Amino acid sequence: QVRLVESGGELVQSGGSLRLSCRVSGFDLDNFGIGWFRQAPGKEREGVSCISSRDRMAYYADSVKGRFFISRENGENTVFLRMNNLKPEDTAVYYCATDFETDPCRTVVGGVTTYAIDYWGKGTPVTVSS
């Protein structure tokens, strides 16, 4: 059974940092891509960052480039999102997600709808105060 569990979200001041974690089970991260997404109140869900199933490279949305960094511990089924210089507009529920047919990076930087991704965690809330 595919499972993704996010953690690490909390209230932080503007300019601060957080590290989110996504622990996965039921599939091998070596064989599939994975992405971080977010949904702010009243807004559409959007892609933030991903590790591509095609080339194993990391990709980022323009809004977070240079501030957010995705990583994975070798051999571990956990993916991290390091978020630096947080801004109030980063406030959202953050989700990790994967799909066995669609590379999640196609939704982060390729313009494909996030509805193409099948497997999602329940999310972890991040609030950035000004």
Protein backbone atom coordinates (compact mmCIF):
# COMPACT_ATOMS: atom_id res chain seq x y z
CA GLN A 1 0.00 0.00 0.00
CA VAL A 2 1.42 3.34 -1.05
CA ARG A 3 1.74 5.75 1.84
CA LEU A 4 3.25 9.22 2.17
CA VAL A 5 3.45 11.01 5.52
CA GLU A 6 4.57 14.61 5.81
CA SER A 7 5.85 16.29 8.94
CA GLY A 8 7.73 19.38 10.05
CA GLY A 9 5.28 22.15 9.33
CA GLU A 10 4.79 24.83 11.96
CA LEU A 11 4.47 28.56 12.60
CA VAL A 12 7.62 30.48 11.71
CA GLN A 13 8.51 34.13 11.38
CA SER A 14 9.22 35.75 8.04
CA GLY A 15 12.86 35.15 7.08
CA GLY A 16 13.02 31.92 9.05
CA SER A 17 13.67 28.36 7.92
CA LEU A 18 11.96 24.99 8.15
CA ARG A 19 12.69 21.47 7.00
CA LEU A 20 9.76 19.33 5.96
CA SER A 21 9.99 15.55 5.80
CA CYS A 22 8.05 13.07 3.69
CA ARG A 23 8.37 9.44 4.70
CA VAL A 24 7.15 7.02 2.06
CA SER A 25 6.32 3.33 2.03
CA GLY A 26 4.80 0.83 -0.37
CA PHE A 27 7.02 1.77 -3.31
CA ASP A 28 10.67 2.25 -4.14
CA LEU A 29 11.82 5.86 -4.36
CA ASP A 30 14.67 4.76 -6.60
CA ASN A 31 12.19 3.98 -9.35
CA PHE A 32 9.76 6.88 -9.22
CA GLY A 33 9.77 10.63 -8.98
CA ILE A 34 8.42 12.56 -6.05
CA GLY A 35 7.25 16.11 -5.59
CA TRP A 36 6.39 18.69 -3.00
CA PHE A 37 3.22 20.70 -3.54
CA ARG A 38 1.35 23.32 -1.58
CA GLN A 39 -2.11 24.76 -1.34
CA ALA A 40 -2.77 28.13 0.22
CA PRO A 41 -6.25 29.10 1.45
CA GLY A 42 -8.48 29.96 -1.46
CA LYS A 43 -5.86 29.06 -4.05
CA GLU A 44 -5.18 26.17 -6.39
CA ARG A 45 -2.70 23.50 -5.42
CA GLU A 46 0.69 24.18 -7.00
CA GLY A 47 3.94 22.36 -7.50
CA VAL A 48 6.92 23.55 -5.47
CA SER A 49 9.78 21.14 -6.09
CA CYS A 50 10.43 17.63 -7.31
CA ILE A 51 12.93 14.92 -8.07
CA SER A 52 12.33 13.67 -11.57
CA SER A 53 11.72 10.01 -12.39
CA ARG A 54 13.23 10.69 -15.82
CA ASP A 55 16.65 12.13 -14.96
CA ARG A 56 16.74 12.12 -11.13
CA MET A 57 17.37 15.87 -11.17
CA ALA A 58 15.72 18.36 -8.84
CA TYR A 59 13.43 21.07 -10.19
CA TYR A 60 11.82 24.09 -8.58
CA ALA A 61 8.98 26.48 -9.18
CA ASP A 62 10.19 30.00 -9.94
CA SER A 63 8.62 31.32 -6.73
CA VAL A 64 10.92 29.20 -4.55
CA LYS A 65 14.14 28.96 -6.58
CA GLY A 66 17.19 29.73 -4.48
CA ARG A 67 15.21 29.45 -1.23
CA PHE A 68 13.87 25.87 -1.19
CA PHE A 69 15.93 22.70 -1.63
CA ILE A 70 14.69 19.15 -2.07
CA SER A 71 16.85 16.24 -0.97
CA ARG A 72 16.76 12.60 -0.10
CA GLU A 73 18.93 10.55 2.20
CA ASN A 74 20.68 7.77 0.32
CA GLY A 75 18.93 4.48 0.87
CA GLU A 76 16.25 6.06 2.99
CA ASN A 77 12.63 6.36 2.08
CA THR A 78 12.43 9.95 3.20
CA VAL A 79 12.46 13.12 1.12
CA PHE A 80 13.10 16.52 2.62
CA LEU A 81 12.23 20.06 1.66
CA ARG A 82 14.49 22.65 3.19
CA MET A 83 12.82 26.05 3.10
CA ASN A 84 14.90 29.16 3.76
CA ASN A 85 14.05 32.86 3.85
CA LEU A 86 10.37 32.07 4.27
CA LYS A 87 7.84 34.68 3.27
CA PRO A 88 4.20 35.13 4.31
CA GLU A 89 3.16 34.07 0.80
CA ASP A 90 4.72 30.66 1.49
CA THR A 91 1.94 30.00 3.99
CA ALA A 92 0.12 26.85 2.85
CA VAL A 93 -0.46 23.20 3.53
CA TYR A 94 2.47 21.31 2.02
CA TYR A 95 2.02 17.88 0.48
CA CYS A 96 4.34 15.30 -0.98
CA ALA A 97 3.10 13.16 -3.81
CA THR A 98 4.11 10.56 -6.35
CA ASP A 99 2.72 8.80 -9.36
CA PHE A 100 3.74 5.60 -11.13
CA GLU A 101 3.05 6.90 -14.64
CA THR A 102 3.36 10.68 -14.58
CA ASP A 103 6.64 12.25 -13.53
CA PRO A 104 5.69 14.69 -10.73
CA CYS A 105 8.11 17.20 -12.23
CA ARG A 106 5.76 17.54 -15.19
CA THR A 107 3.37 19.24 -12.79
CA VAL A 108 6.01 21.38 -11.05
CA VAL A 109 7.69 22.80 -14.15
CA GLY A 110 5.90 21.20 -17.09
CA GLY A 111 2.45 22.77 -16.86
CA VAL A 112 0.62 19.48 -16.27
CA THR A 113 -2.24 19.64 -13.79
CA THR A 114 -1.59 18.32 -10.28
CA TYR A 115 -4.71 16.20 -10.71
CA ALA A 116 -2.52 13.89 -12.83
CA ILE A 117 -0.74 12.76 -9.66
CA ASP A 118 -2.37 9.80 -7.93
CA TYR A 119 -0.72 9.36 -4.52
CA TRP A 120 -0.74 12.10 -1.89
CA GLY A 121 0.03 12.52 1.75
CA LYS A 122 -2.33 14.34 4.11
CA GLY A 123 -0.15 17.41 4.27
CA THR A 124 1.62 19.48 6.90
CA PRO A 125 0.71 23.13 7.54
CA VAL A 126 3.25 25.91 7.29
CA THR A 127 2.38 29.38 8.52
CA VAL A 128 4.78 32.27 8.00
CA SER A 129 4.05 35.36 10.07
CA SER A 130 5.06 38.82 8.90
